[in-house]
Amino acid sequence: MKRLFSSLFGGSSKPEKKDEAVRSKYMPAVEVPIEESFTIKFTKQGGKFIYCESKKESIEAFKNILSENKWDDCEMLCFDSKLQERFVRPSITPTKTNLNARFFLTTCEFLVAHDGSLIMCAEQIANHKLIDLPENFVIVAGTKQLTDTLSEGLKGIKHKYKKNIPINITSIKHFKKTISESKNSFLTYGLPIKHVYLILVEDY
């Protein structure tokens, strides 16, 4: 998996085209790896993707996100105390009550390769609706959370929490794009559109 993400994001190796040249059009389509499928669909919708090989790299990635957006001396909404402690910064004030904070730091349940969406539930967003949360999301997840379809993700939640299945299960898949990209996005009209950074950590 490390090799795949390295090739997707600046790796030096070049894809081999020899097999493509001799492959018959009547042969079955080549199955795209789940990691690649998710990444392509997530970024195509406007999501910003950062792959990290370690938790240490994820902290650096978080610092870079703050710097890129000039998020200094502002509030950060975060319901997860452990996550908050891991990414604490002197210039950021954490809050669990201000839904108008500059950005929302959270985890998620699953990353869906089929449509590039992210499944969340009450464990991440409490009893709030996506539309009521800050416009900017910074989501931290692990490569083990990748799944093929939404239904598989829902099964995973049932298995994970067993008899205490969380409420408020939802998915986020409409990410903020540039004005020119969003002009004809009538299919997303009325839906909560967020500016999403995904920090994906190997074996998180």
N, C-alpha and C. Protein backbone atom coordinates (compact mmCIF):
# COMPACT_ATOMS: atom_id res chain seq x y z
N MET A 1 0.82 -1.20 0.00
CA MET A 1 0.00 0.00 0.00
C MET A 1 0.86 1.26 0.00
N LYS A 2 1.96 1.24 0.73
CA LYS A 2 2.86 2.39 0.74
C LYS A 2 3.35 2.67 -0.67
N ARG A 3 3.68 1.60 -1.41
CA ARG A 3 4.19 1.76 -2.77
C ARG A 3 3.14 2.38 -3.66
N LEU A 4 1.88 1.96 -3.48
CA LEU A 4 0.80 2.49 -4.30
C LEU A 4 0.63 3.98 -4.06
N PHE A 5 0.56 4.40 -2.79
CA PHE A 5 0.36 5.81 -2.50
C PHE A 5 1.57 6.65 -2.92
N SER A 6 2.75 6.07 -2.83
CA SER A 6 3.94 6.78 -3.28
C SER A 6 3.88 7.05 -4.77
N SER A 7 3.37 6.06 -5.53
CA SER A 7 3.26 6.24 -6.98
C SER A 7 2.18 7.25 -7.33
N LEU A 8 1.12 7.29 -6.51
CA LEU A 8 0.04 8.24 -6.77
C LEU A 8 0.44 9.67 -6.43
N PHE A 9 1.30 9.82 -5.44
CA PHE A 9 1.66 11.15 -4.98
C PHE A 9 3.16 11.39 -5.05
N GLY A 10 3.65 11.49 -6.26
CA GLY A 10 5.03 11.93 -6.45
C GLY A 10 6.08 10.86 -6.45
N GLY A 11 5.71 9.59 -6.59
CA GLY A 11 6.71 8.53 -6.64
C GLY A 11 7.54 8.61 -7.90
N SER A 12 8.72 8.05 -7.89
CA SER A 12 9.62 8.14 -9.02
C SER A 12 9.37 7.07 -10.07
N SER A 13 8.72 5.98 -9.66
CA SER A 13 8.52 4.89 -10.60
C SER A 13 7.47 5.26 -11.63
N LYS A 14 7.65 4.83 -12.88
CA LYS A 14 6.74 5.12 -13.95
C LYS A 14 5.86 3.90 -14.22
N PRO A 15 4.58 4.14 -14.51
CA PRO A 15 3.69 2.99 -14.78
C PRO A 15 4.12 2.27 -16.04
N GLU A 16 4.03 0.96 -15.99
CA GLU A 16 4.39 0.17 -17.15
C GLU A 16 3.23 0.11 -18.12
N LYS A 17 3.50 0.31 -19.40
CA LYS A 17 2.47 0.31 -20.42
C LYS A 17 2.53 -0.91 -21.33
N LYS A 18 3.49 -1.77 -21.09
CA LYS A 18 3.68 -2.94 -21.94
C LYS A 18 2.44 -3.83 -21.93
N ASP A 19 1.89 -4.10 -20.73
CA ASP A 19 0.73 -4.97 -20.63
C ASP A 19 -0.49 -4.36 -21.28
N GLU A 20 -0.61 -3.01 -21.20
CA GLU A 20 -1.74 -2.32 -21.78
C GLU A 20 -1.74 -2.47 -23.30
N ALA A 21 -0.56 -2.47 -23.88
CA ALA A 21 -0.44 -2.52 -25.34
C ALA A 21 -0.91 -3.86 -25.90
N VAL A 22 -0.68 -4.95 -25.16
CA VAL A 22 -1.02 -6.28 -25.68
C VAL A 22 -2.35 -6.79 -25.14
N ARG A 23 -2.99 -6.03 -24.28
CA ARG A 23 -4.23 -6.48 -23.66
C ARG A 23 -5.39 -6.39 -24.65
N SER A 24 -6.11 -7.46 -24.80
CA SER A 24 -7.24 -7.50 -25.72
C SER A 24 -8.42 -6.72 -25.16
N LYS A 25 -9.19 -6.08 -26.05
CA LYS A 25 -10.35 -5.32 -25.61
C LYS A 25 -11.47 -6.24 -25.10
N TYR A 26 -11.35 -7.54 -25.39
CA TYR A 26 -12.36 -8.49 -24.95
C TYR A 26 -12.06 -9.07 -23.57
N MET A 27 -10.90 -8.76 -23.04
CA MET A 27 -10.54 -9.24 -21.71
C MET A 27 -11.27 -8.43 -20.64
N PRO A 28 -11.50 -9.01 -19.46
CA PRO A 28 -12.18 -8.27 -18.38
C PRO A 28 -11.40 -7.02 -18.01
N ALA A 29 -12.11 -5.99 -17.57
CA ALA A 29 -11.47 -4.74 -17.16
C ALA A 29 -10.56 -4.98 -15.97
N VAL A 30 -9.45 -4.27 -15.95
CA VAL A 30 -8.51 -4.39 -14.84
C VAL A 30 -9.14 -3.79 -13.59
N GLU A 31 -9.13 -4.54 -12.51
CA GLU A 31 -9.72 -4.06 -11.26
C GLU A 31 -8.80 -3.04 -10.60
N VAL A 32 -9.34 -1.85 -10.32
CA VAL A 32 -8.56 -0.78 -9.71
C VAL A 32 -8.45 -1.05 -8.21
N PRO A 33 -7.25 -0.96 -7.62
CA PRO A 33 -7.10 -1.17 -6.18
C PRO A 33 -8.00 -0.22 -5.39
N ILE A 34 -8.49 -0.67 -4.27
CA ILE A 34 -9.43 0.10 -3.47
C ILE A 34 -8.85 1.46 -3.05
N GLU A 35 -7.55 1.49 -2.74
CA GLU A 35 -6.91 2.74 -2.33
C GLU A 35 -6.93 3.76 -3.46
N GLU A 36 -6.62 3.29 -4.66
CA GLU A 36 -6.58 4.17 -5.81
C GLU A 36 -7.97 4.66 -6.18
N SER A 37 -8.95 3.76 -6.13
CA SER A 37 -10.32 4.11 -6.47
C SER A 37 -10.85 5.20 -5.54
N PHE A 38 -10.63 5.02 -4.25
CA PHE A 38 -11.09 6.02 -3.28
C PHE A 38 -10.40 7.37 -3.52
N THR A 39 -9.09 7.34 -3.66
CA THR A 39 -8.32 8.57 -3.81
C THR A 39 -8.76 9.37 -5.03
N ILE A 40 -8.95 8.68 -6.15
CA ILE A 40 -9.36 9.35 -7.39
C ILE A 40 -10.73 10.01 -7.22
N LYS A 41 -11.68 9.27 -6.66
CA LYS A 41 -13.04 9.80 -6.54
C LYS A 41 -13.14 10.87 -5.46
N PHE A 42 -12.38 10.73 -4.39
CA PHE A 42 -12.39 11.73 -3.33
C PHE A 42 -11.84 13.07 -3.83
N THR A 43 -10.70 13.02 -4.49
CA THR A 43 -10.08 14.26 -4.98
C THR A 43 -10.85 14.85 -6.16
N LYS A 44 -11.47 14.02 -6.97
CA LYS A 44 -12.24 14.52 -8.12
C LYS A 44 -13.41 15.37 -7.65
N GLN A 45 -13.95 15.06 -6.48
CA GLN A 45 -15.07 15.81 -5.92
C GLN A 45 -14.61 17.08 -5.20
N GLY A 46 -13.30 17.28 -5.10
CA GLY A 46 -12.81 18.49 -4.45
C GLY A 46 -12.15 18.27 -3.10
N GLY A 47 -12.14 17.02 -2.62
CA GLY A 47 -11.49 16.74 -1.35
C GLY A 47 -9.97 16.85 -1.47
N LYS A 48 -9.32 17.29 -0.41
CA LYS A 48 -7.86 17.41 -0.40
C LYS A 48 -7.27 16.27 0.42
N PHE A 49 -6.37 15.53 -0.19
CA PHE A 49 -5.88 14.27 0.35
C PHE A 49 -4.40 14.37 0.71
N ILE A 50 -4.06 13.94 1.93
CA ILE A 50 -2.67 13.92 2.37
C ILE A 50 -2.38 12.54 2.96
N TYR A 51 -1.45 11.83 2.34
CA TYR A 51 -1.07 10.50 2.83
C TYR A 51 0.16 10.60 3.72
N CYS A 52 0.10 9.95 4.88
CA CYS A 52 1.22 9.97 5.84
C CYS A 52 1.57 8.54 6.23
N GLU A 53 2.85 8.26 6.36
CA GLU A 53 3.29 6.92 6.74
C GLU A 53 3.32 6.72 8.24
N SER A 54 3.21 7.79 9.01
CA SER A 54 3.28 7.66 10.47
C SER A 54 2.46 8.76 11.14
N LYS A 55 2.21 8.59 12.43
CA LYS A 55 1.48 9.60 13.19
C LYS A 55 2.29 10.90 13.26
N LYS A 56 3.61 10.75 13.31
CA LYS A 56 4.47 11.94 13.34
C LYS A 56 4.28 12.77 12.07
N GLU A 57 4.21 12.10 10.93
CA GLU A 57 3.99 12.80 9.66
C GLU A 57 2.61 13.45 9.64
N SER A 58 1.63 12.81 10.27
CA SER A 58 0.28 13.36 10.28
C SER A 58 0.22 14.68 11.05
N ILE A 59 1.02 14.78 12.10
CA ILE A 59 1.07 16.03 12.87
C ILE A 59 1.68 17.14 12.03
N GLU A 60 2.73 16.81 11.26
CA GLU A 60 3.33 17.79 10.36
C GLU A 60 2.34 18.22 9.28
N ALA A 61 1.56 17.26 8.79
CA ALA A 61 0.56 17.56 7.77
C ALA A 61 -0.49 18.52 8.33
N PHE A 62 -0.87 18.30 9.57
CA PHE A 62 -1.84 19.17 10.23
C PHE A 62 -1.29 20.59 10.35
N LYS A 63 -0.03 20.69 10.73
CA LYS A 63 0.60 22.02 10.84
C LYS A 63 0.59 22.72 9.48
N ASN A 64 0.85 21.97 8.43
CA ASN A 64 0.87 22.55 7.08
C ASN A 64 -0.50 23.04 6.65
N ILE A 65 -1.54 22.30 7.05
CA ILE A 65 -2.91 22.72 6.74
C ILE A 65 -3.24 24.04 7.43
N LEU A 66 -2.84 24.14 8.69
CA LEU A 66 -3.06 25.39 9.43
C LEU A 66 -2.34 26.55 8.76
N SER A 67 -1.10 26.30 8.35
CA SER A 67 -0.30 27.34 7.71
C SER A 67 -0.89 27.75 6.36
N GLU A 68 -1.30 26.75 5.58
CA GLU A 68 -1.86 27.02 4.24
C GLU A 68 -3.10 27.89 4.30
N ASN A 69 -3.93 27.67 5.32
CA ASN A 69 -5.19 28.40 5.43
C ASN A 69 -5.10 29.60 6.38
N LYS A 70 -3.91 29.80 6.97
CA LYS A 70 -3.72 30.89 7.93
C LYS A 70 -4.72 30.79 9.09
N TRP A 71 -4.87 29.55 9.59
CA TRP A 71 -5.74 29.32 10.72
C TRP A 71 -4.96 29.52 12.01
N ASP A 72 -4.76 30.76 12.37
CA ASP A 72 -4.06 31.13 13.59
C ASP A 72 -5.01 31.88 14.52
N ASP A 73 -4.81 31.70 15.81
CA ASP A 73 -5.63 32.40 16.80
C ASP A 73 -7.12 32.20 16.51
N CYS A 74 -7.51 30.96 16.29
CA CYS A 74 -8.92 30.66 16.02
C CYS A 74 -9.36 29.45 16.82
N GLU A 75 -10.65 29.17 16.78
CA GLU A 75 -11.19 28.03 17.50
C GLU A 75 -11.30 26.81 16.60
N MET A 76 -11.08 25.66 17.18
CA MET A 76 -11.16 24.37 16.49
C MET A 76 -12.21 23.51 17.20
N LEU A 77 -13.27 23.14 16.50
CA LEU A 77 -14.27 22.26 17.08
C LEU A 77 -13.75 20.82 17.04
N CYS A 78 -13.78 20.14 18.18
CA CYS A 78 -13.31 18.75 18.24
C CYS A 78 -13.98 18.06 19.42
N PHE A 79 -14.72 17.00 19.13
CA PHE A 79 -15.42 16.26 20.19
C PHE A 79 -14.57 15.13 20.77
N ASP A 80 -13.47 14.81 20.10
CA ASP A 80 -12.61 13.69 20.49
C ASP A 80 -11.42 14.22 21.29
N SER A 81 -11.42 13.96 22.61
CA SER A 81 -10.37 14.50 23.49
C SER A 81 -8.98 13.98 23.12
N LYS A 82 -8.87 12.70 22.77
CA LYS A 82 -7.58 12.13 22.42
C LYS A 82 -7.03 12.75 21.14
N LEU A 83 -7.91 12.93 20.17
CA LEU A 83 -7.52 13.55 18.90
C LEU A 83 -7.10 14.99 19.14
N GLN A 84 -7.83 15.65 19.98
CA GLN A 84 -7.53 17.05 20.31
C GLN A 84 -6.14 17.17 20.94
N GLU A 85 -5.81 16.27 21.86
CA GLU A 85 -4.51 16.29 22.53
C GLU A 85 -3.38 16.02 21.55
N ARG A 86 -3.61 15.10 20.60
CA ARG A 86 -2.57 14.74 19.64
C ARG A 86 -2.23 15.89 18.70
N PHE A 87 -3.23 16.68 18.34
CA PHE A 87 -3.00 17.74 17.37
C PHE A 87 -3.07 19.14 17.98
N VAL A 88 -2.92 19.22 19.27
CA VAL A 88 -2.99 20.52 19.93
C VAL A 88 -1.89 21.46 19.43
N ARG A 89 -2.25 22.73 19.23
CA ARG A 89 -1.30 23.76 18.80
C ARG A 89 -1.51 25.00 19.66
N PRO A 90 -0.42 25.72 20.00
CA PRO A 90 -0.54 26.90 20.86
C PRO A 90 -1.49 27.97 20.33
N SER A 91 -1.57 28.09 19.00
CA SER A 91 -2.38 29.16 18.40
C SER A 91 -3.84 28.77 18.19
N ILE A 92 -4.19 27.53 18.54
CA ILE A 92 -5.55 27.03 18.32
C ILE A 92 -6.26 26.81 19.65
N THR A 93 -7.49 27.30 19.73
CA THR A 93 -8.29 27.11 20.94
C THR A 93 -9.34 26.03 20.69
N PRO A 94 -9.24 24.88 21.35
CA PRO A 94 -10.23 23.81 21.14
C PRO A 94 -11.56 24.12 21.80
N THR A 95 -12.63 23.67 21.18
CA THR A 95 -13.97 23.84 21.74
C THR A 95 -14.82 22.64 21.40
N LYS A 96 -15.75 22.31 22.27
CA LYS A 96 -16.69 21.22 22.01
C LYS A 96 -18.12 21.75 21.85
N THR A 97 -18.26 23.06 21.90
CA THR A 97 -19.60 23.65 21.87
C THR A 97 -19.82 24.66 20.75
N ASN A 98 -18.77 25.32 20.30
CA ASN A 98 -18.93 26.37 19.28
C ASN A 98 -18.98 25.78 17.87
N LEU A 99 -20.19 25.64 17.33
CA LEU A 99 -20.35 25.09 16.00
C LEU A 99 -19.94 26.07 14.91
N ASN A 100 -19.61 27.29 15.30
CA ASN A 100 -19.14 28.29 14.35
C ASN A 100 -17.62 28.44 14.38
N ALA A 101 -16.94 27.44 14.94
CA ALA A 101 -15.47 27.47 14.98
C ALA A 101 -14.93 27.50 13.55
N ARG A 102 -13.65 27.87 13.40
CA ARG A 102 -13.06 27.99 12.08
C ARG A 102 -13.03 26.65 11.34
N PHE A 103 -12.74 25.56 12.07
CA PHE A 103 -12.73 24.26 11.42
C PHE A 103 -13.06 23.16 12.43
N PHE A 104 -13.37 22.00 11.89
CA PHE A 104 -13.77 20.83 12.68
C PHE A 104 -12.74 19.73 12.50
N LEU A 105 -12.12 19.30 13.59
CA LEU A 105 -11.15 18.21 13.56
C LEU A 105 -11.85 16.95 14.05
N THR A 106 -11.79 15.88 13.26
CA THR A 106 -12.51 14.66 13.62
C THR A 106 -11.90 13.43 12.95
N THR A 107 -12.39 12.29 13.35
CA THR A 107 -12.07 11.05 12.66
C THR A 107 -13.31 10.68 11.84
N CYS A 108 -13.35 9.48 11.30
CA CYS A 108 -14.54 8.99 10.61
C CYS A 108 -14.59 7.48 10.82
N GLU A 109 -15.63 6.84 10.31
CA GLU A 109 -15.75 5.40 10.46
C GLU A 109 -15.12 4.64 9.29
N PHE A 110 -15.52 5.03 8.07
CA PHE A 110 -15.01 4.33 6.89
C PHE A 110 -14.83 5.29 5.71
N LEU A 111 -13.94 4.91 4.80
CA LEU A 111 -13.69 5.63 3.56
C LEU A 111 -14.21 4.73 2.43
N VAL A 112 -15.17 5.21 1.67
CA VAL A 112 -15.85 4.38 0.67
C VAL A 112 -15.26 4.59 -0.72
N ALA A 113 -14.70 3.53 -1.26
CA ALA A 113 -14.03 3.60 -2.57
C ALA A 113 -15.03 3.81 -3.71
N HIS A 114 -16.24 3.29 -3.56
CA HIS A 114 -17.23 3.35 -4.64
C HIS A 114 -17.54 4.77 -5.10
N ASP A 115 -17.64 5.71 -4.13
CA ASP A 115 -17.98 7.08 -4.50
C ASP A 115 -17.10 8.14 -3.84
N GLY A 116 -16.04 7.72 -3.14
CA GLY A 116 -15.14 8.67 -2.52
C GLY A 116 -15.72 9.37 -1.30
N SER A 117 -16.72 8.77 -0.68
CA SER A 117 -17.36 9.40 0.48
C SER A 117 -16.75 8.92 1.79
N LEU A 118 -17.13 9.61 2.88
CA LEU A 118 -16.65 9.24 4.21
C LEU A 118 -17.86 9.02 5.10
N ILE A 119 -17.89 7.88 5.79
CA ILE A 119 -19.00 7.56 6.68
C ILE A 119 -18.68 8.05 8.09
N MET A 120 -19.66 8.76 8.68
CA MET A 120 -19.51 9.27 10.04
C MET A 120 -20.76 8.90 10.83
N CYS A 121 -20.66 9.00 12.15
CA CYS A 121 -21.81 8.72 13.00
C CYS A 121 -21.72 9.56 14.26
N ALA A 122 -22.58 9.27 15.22
CA ALA A 122 -22.61 10.05 16.46
C ALA A 122 -21.29 10.03 17.20
N GLU A 123 -20.47 9.00 16.98
CA GLU A 123 -19.16 8.93 17.63
C GLU A 123 -18.27 10.10 17.19
N GLN A 124 -18.51 10.63 16.00
CA GLN A 124 -17.73 11.75 15.49
C GLN A 124 -18.48 13.09 15.56
N ILE A 125 -19.76 13.08 15.23
CA ILE A 125 -20.49 14.35 15.10
C ILE A 125 -21.58 14.51 16.16
N ALA A 126 -21.60 13.63 17.15
CA ALA A 126 -22.59 13.69 18.23
C ALA A 126 -24.00 13.65 17.63
N ASN A 127 -24.86 14.56 18.05
CA ASN A 127 -26.23 14.56 17.51
C ASN A 127 -26.45 15.68 16.50
N HIS A 128 -25.34 16.22 15.97
CA HIS A 128 -25.42 17.35 15.05
C HIS A 128 -25.60 16.90 13.61
N LYS A 129 -26.23 17.76 12.82
CA LYS A 129 -26.33 17.55 11.38
C LYS A 129 -25.09 18.12 10.71
N LEU A 130 -24.69 17.55 9.59
CA LEU A 130 -23.51 18.03 8.89
C LEU A 130 -23.61 19.51 8.56
N ILE A 131 -24.81 19.95 8.18
CA ILE A 131 -25.00 21.34 7.76
C ILE A 131 -24.75 22.32 8.90
N ASP A 132 -24.88 21.84 10.16
CA ASP A 132 -24.69 22.72 11.31
C ASP A 132 -23.24 22.83 11.76
N LEU A 133 -22.38 21.97 11.22
CA LEU A 133 -20.97 21.95 11.61
C LEU A 133 -20.17 22.94 10.77
N PRO A 134 -18.95 23.29 11.19
CA PRO A 134 -18.14 24.27 10.46
C PRO A 134 -17.94 23.92 8.99
N GLU A 135 -17.69 24.93 8.19
CA GLU A 135 -17.51 24.73 6.75
C GLU A 135 -16.26 23.92 6.44
N ASN A 136 -15.23 24.06 7.28
CA ASN A 136 -13.94 23.40 7.05
C ASN A 136 -13.80 22.16 7.93
N PHE A 137 -13.47 21.03 7.31
CA PHE A 137 -13.25 19.77 8.02
C PHE A 137 -11.80 19.33 7.85
N VAL A 138 -11.19 18.86 8.93
CA VAL A 138 -9.91 18.15 8.86
C VAL A 138 -10.19 16.77 9.45
N ILE A 139 -10.14 15.75 8.59
CA ILE A 139 -10.50 14.40 9.01
C ILE A 139 -9.27 13.50 9.03
N VAL A 140 -9.07 12.82 10.14
CA VAL A 140 -7.92 11.91 10.30
C VAL A 140 -8.45 10.48 10.25
N ALA A 141 -7.86 9.67 9.37
CA ALA A 141 -8.30 8.28 9.22
C ALA A 141 -7.11 7.39 8.92
N GLY A 142 -7.35 6.09 8.97
CA GLY A 142 -6.30 5.12 8.69
C GLY A 142 -6.60 4.31 7.46
N THR A 143 -5.59 3.72 6.87
CA THR A 143 -5.77 2.93 5.64
C THR A 143 -6.66 1.70 5.89
N LYS A 144 -6.74 1.24 7.13
CA LYS A 144 -7.57 0.08 7.45
C LYS A 144 -9.06 0.41 7.38
N GLN A 145 -9.39 1.69 7.29
CA GLN A 145 -10.79 2.11 7.25
C GLN A 145 -11.36 2.15 5.83
N LEU A 146 -10.55 1.80 4.84
CA LEU A 146 -11.02 1.77 3.46
C LEU A 146 -11.97 0.60 3.25
N THR A 147 -13.07 0.86 2.54
CA THR A 147 -14.03 -0.18 2.23
C THR A 147 -14.58 0.05 0.82
N ASP A 148 -15.08 -0.99 0.18
CA ASP A 148 -15.52 -0.87 -1.20
C ASP A 148 -16.81 -0.08 -1.37
N THR A 149 -17.82 -0.42 -0.57
CA THR A 149 -19.13 0.19 -0.76
C THR A 149 -19.70 0.73 0.55
N LEU A 150 -20.75 1.53 0.40
CA LEU A 150 -21.43 2.10 1.56
C LEU A 150 -22.03 0.99 2.42
N SER A 151 -22.63 -0.01 1.78
CA SER A 151 -23.26 -1.10 2.53
C SER A 151 -22.24 -1.87 3.35
N GLU A 152 -21.03 -2.06 2.79
CA GLU A 152 -19.98 -2.74 3.54
C GLU A 152 -19.55 -1.90 4.74
N GLY A 153 -19.53 -0.59 4.55
CA GLY A 153 -19.19 0.30 5.66
C GLY A 153 -20.22 0.23 6.77
N LEU A 154 -21.49 0.18 6.41
CA LEU A 154 -22.55 0.08 7.41
C LEU A 154 -22.46 -1.24 8.17
N LYS A 155 -22.14 -2.31 7.45
CA LYS A 155 -21.94 -3.61 8.10
C LYS A 155 -20.76 -3.54 9.06
N GLY A 156 -19.73 -2.81 8.65
CA GLY A 156 -18.56 -2.65 9.50
C GLY A 156 -18.88 -1.93 10.79
N ILE A 157 -19.77 -0.93 10.71
CA ILE A 157 -20.18 -0.20 11.92
C ILE A 157 -20.95 -1.13 12.86
N LYS A 158 -21.85 -1.94 12.29
CA LYS A 158 -22.61 -2.88 13.11
C LYS A 158 -21.69 -3.88 13.80
N HIS A 159 -20.67 -4.33 13.07
CA HIS A 159 -19.72 -5.30 13.66
C HIS A 159 -18.86 -4.63 14.72
N LYS A 160 -18.46 -3.40 14.47
CA LYS A 160 -17.58 -2.68 15.40
C LYS A 160 -18.26 -2.38 16.72
N TYR A 161 -19.51 -1.92 16.66
CA TYR A 161 -20.21 -1.51 17.87
C TYR A 161 -21.19 -2.56 18.39
N LYS A 162 -21.41 -3.62 17.60
CA LYS A 162 -22.24 -4.76 17.99
C LYS A 162 -23.61 -4.34 18.56
N LYS A 163 -23.83 -4.55 19.84
CA LYS A 163 -25.16 -4.31 20.42
C LYS A 163 -25.43 -2.83 20.70
N ASN A 164 -24.42 -2.00 20.60
CA ASN A 164 -24.59 -0.57 20.89
C ASN A 164 -24.32 0.24 19.63
N ILE A 165 -25.10 0.00 18.60
CA ILE A 165 -24.89 0.67 17.32
C ILE A 165 -25.19 2.16 17.46
N PRO A 166 -24.26 3.02 17.05
CA PRO A 166 -24.46 4.47 17.20
C PRO A 166 -25.56 5.00 16.28
N ILE A 167 -26.14 6.12 16.68
CA ILE A 167 -27.16 6.77 15.86
C ILE A 167 -26.50 7.84 14.98
N ASN A 168 -27.31 8.54 14.24
CA ASN A 168 -26.85 9.67 13.42
C ASN A 168 -25.77 9.24 12.40
N ILE A 169 -25.95 8.08 11.79
CA ILE A 169 -25.00 7.61 10.77
C ILE A 169 -25.26 8.38 9.46
N THR A 170 -24.22 8.94 8.90
CA THR A 170 -24.35 9.71 7.68
C THR A 170 -23.07 9.60 6.86
N SER A 171 -23.10 10.11 5.65
CA SER A 171 -21.89 10.14 4.83
C SER A 171 -21.70 11.53 4.25
N ILE A 172 -20.47 11.91 4.09
CA ILE A 172 -20.16 13.20 3.49
C ILE A 172 -19.42 12.94 2.18
N LYS A 173 -19.95 13.51 1.10
CA LYS A 173 -19.33 13.26 -0.19
C LYS A 173 -19.41 14.46 -1.14
N HIS A 174 -19.82 15.59 -0.63
CA HIS A 174 -19.88 16.80 -1.45
C HIS A 174 -18.86 17.78 -0.88
N PHE A 175 -17.75 17.91 -1.57
CA PHE A 175 -16.65 18.72 -1.08
C PHE A 175 -16.54 20.02 -1.87
N LYS A 176 -16.08 21.04 -1.19
CA LYS A 176 -16.01 22.38 -1.79
C LYS A 176 -15.00 22.42 -2.92
N LYS A 177 -15.44 22.91 -4.10
CA LYS A 177 -14.56 23.08 -5.25
C LYS A 177 -14.42 24.56 -5.56
N THR A 178 -13.66 24.87 -6.59
CA THR A 178 -13.52 26.24 -7.02
C THR A 178 -14.84 26.71 -7.63
N ILE A 179 -15.01 28.01 -7.76
CA ILE A 179 -16.25 28.56 -8.31
C ILE A 179 -16.53 28.02 -9.71
N SER A 180 -15.49 27.96 -10.55
CA SER A 180 -15.67 27.50 -11.92
C SER A 180 -16.09 26.04 -11.97
N GLU A 181 -15.59 25.23 -11.04
CA GLU A 181 -15.94 23.81 -11.00
C GLU A 181 -17.34 23.59 -10.47
N SER A 182 -17.84 24.55 -9.67
CA SER A 182 -19.11 24.35 -8.98
C SER A 182 -20.30 24.98 -9.70
N LYS A 183 -20.06 25.72 -10.78
CA LYS A 183 -21.14 26.44 -11.46
C LYS A 183 -22.30 25.55 -11.86
N ASN A 184 -21.99 24.37 -12.38
CA ASN A 184 -23.03 23.50 -12.89
C ASN A 184 -23.34 22.32 -11.98
N SER A 185 -22.97 22.45 -10.70
CA SER A 185 -23.18 21.34 -9.77
C SER A 185 -24.59 21.39 -9.18
N PHE A 186 -25.60 21.34 -10.05
CA PHE A 186 -26.98 21.41 -9.59
C PHE A 186 -27.38 20.19 -8.79
N LEU A 187 -26.65 19.08 -8.98
CA LEU A 187 -27.00 17.86 -8.25
C LEU A 187 -26.72 17.98 -6.76
N THR A 188 -25.86 18.94 -6.38
CA THR A 188 -25.53 19.10 -4.96
C THR A 188 -26.31 20.24 -4.32
N TYR A 189 -27.26 20.82 -5.06
CA TYR A 189 -28.02 21.96 -4.54
C TYR A 189 -28.77 21.56 -3.26
N GLY A 190 -28.61 22.36 -2.22
CA GLY A 190 -29.30 22.11 -0.97
C GLY A 190 -28.60 21.14 -0.04
N LEU A 191 -27.51 20.52 -0.51
CA LEU A 191 -26.77 19.57 0.32
C LEU A 191 -25.58 20.27 0.98
N PRO A 192 -25.19 19.83 2.18
CA PRO A 192 -24.05 20.46 2.85
C PRO A 192 -22.75 20.19 2.11
N ILE A 193 -22.09 21.24 1.68
CA ILE A 193 -20.82 21.10 0.96
C ILE A 193 -19.71 21.62 1.88
N LYS A 194 -18.73 20.78 2.15
CA LYS A 194 -17.66 21.12 3.07
C LYS A 194 -16.30 21.19 2.37
N HIS A 195 -15.44 22.00 2.92
CA HIS A 195 -14.04 22.08 2.47
C HIS A 195 -13.27 21.06 3.30
N VAL A 196 -12.93 19.92 2.69
CA VAL A 196 -12.43 18.77 3.46
C VAL A 196 -10.97 18.44 3.17
N TYR A 197 -10.20 18.33 4.25
CA TYR A 197 -8.84 17.79 4.20
C TYR A 197 -8.89 16.41 4.83
N LEU A 198 -8.36 15.42 4.15
CA LEU A 198 -8.26 14.07 4.72
C LEU A 198 -6.79 13.73 4.94
N ILE A 199 -6.44 13.51 6.21
CA ILE A 199 -5.10 13.05 6.56
C ILE A 199 -5.20 11.54 6.74
N LEU A 200 -4.69 10.80 5.75
CA LEU A 200 -4.77 9.34 5.79
C LEU A 200 -3.46 8.77 6.28
N VAL A 201 -3.50 8.06 7.40
CA VAL A 201 -2.29 7.57 8.06
C VAL A 201 -2.18 6.05 7.89
N GLU A 202 -1.04 5.58 7.48
CA GLU A 202 -0.79 4.15 7.34
C GLU A 202 -0.91 3.46 8.70
N ASP A 203 -1.74 2.41 8.75
CA ASP A 203 -1.92 1.63 9.99
C ASP A 203 -2.30 2.50 11.17
N TYR A 204 -3.16 3.50 10.96
CA TYR A 204 -3.59 4.41 12.03
C TYR A 204 -4.48 3.69 13.03
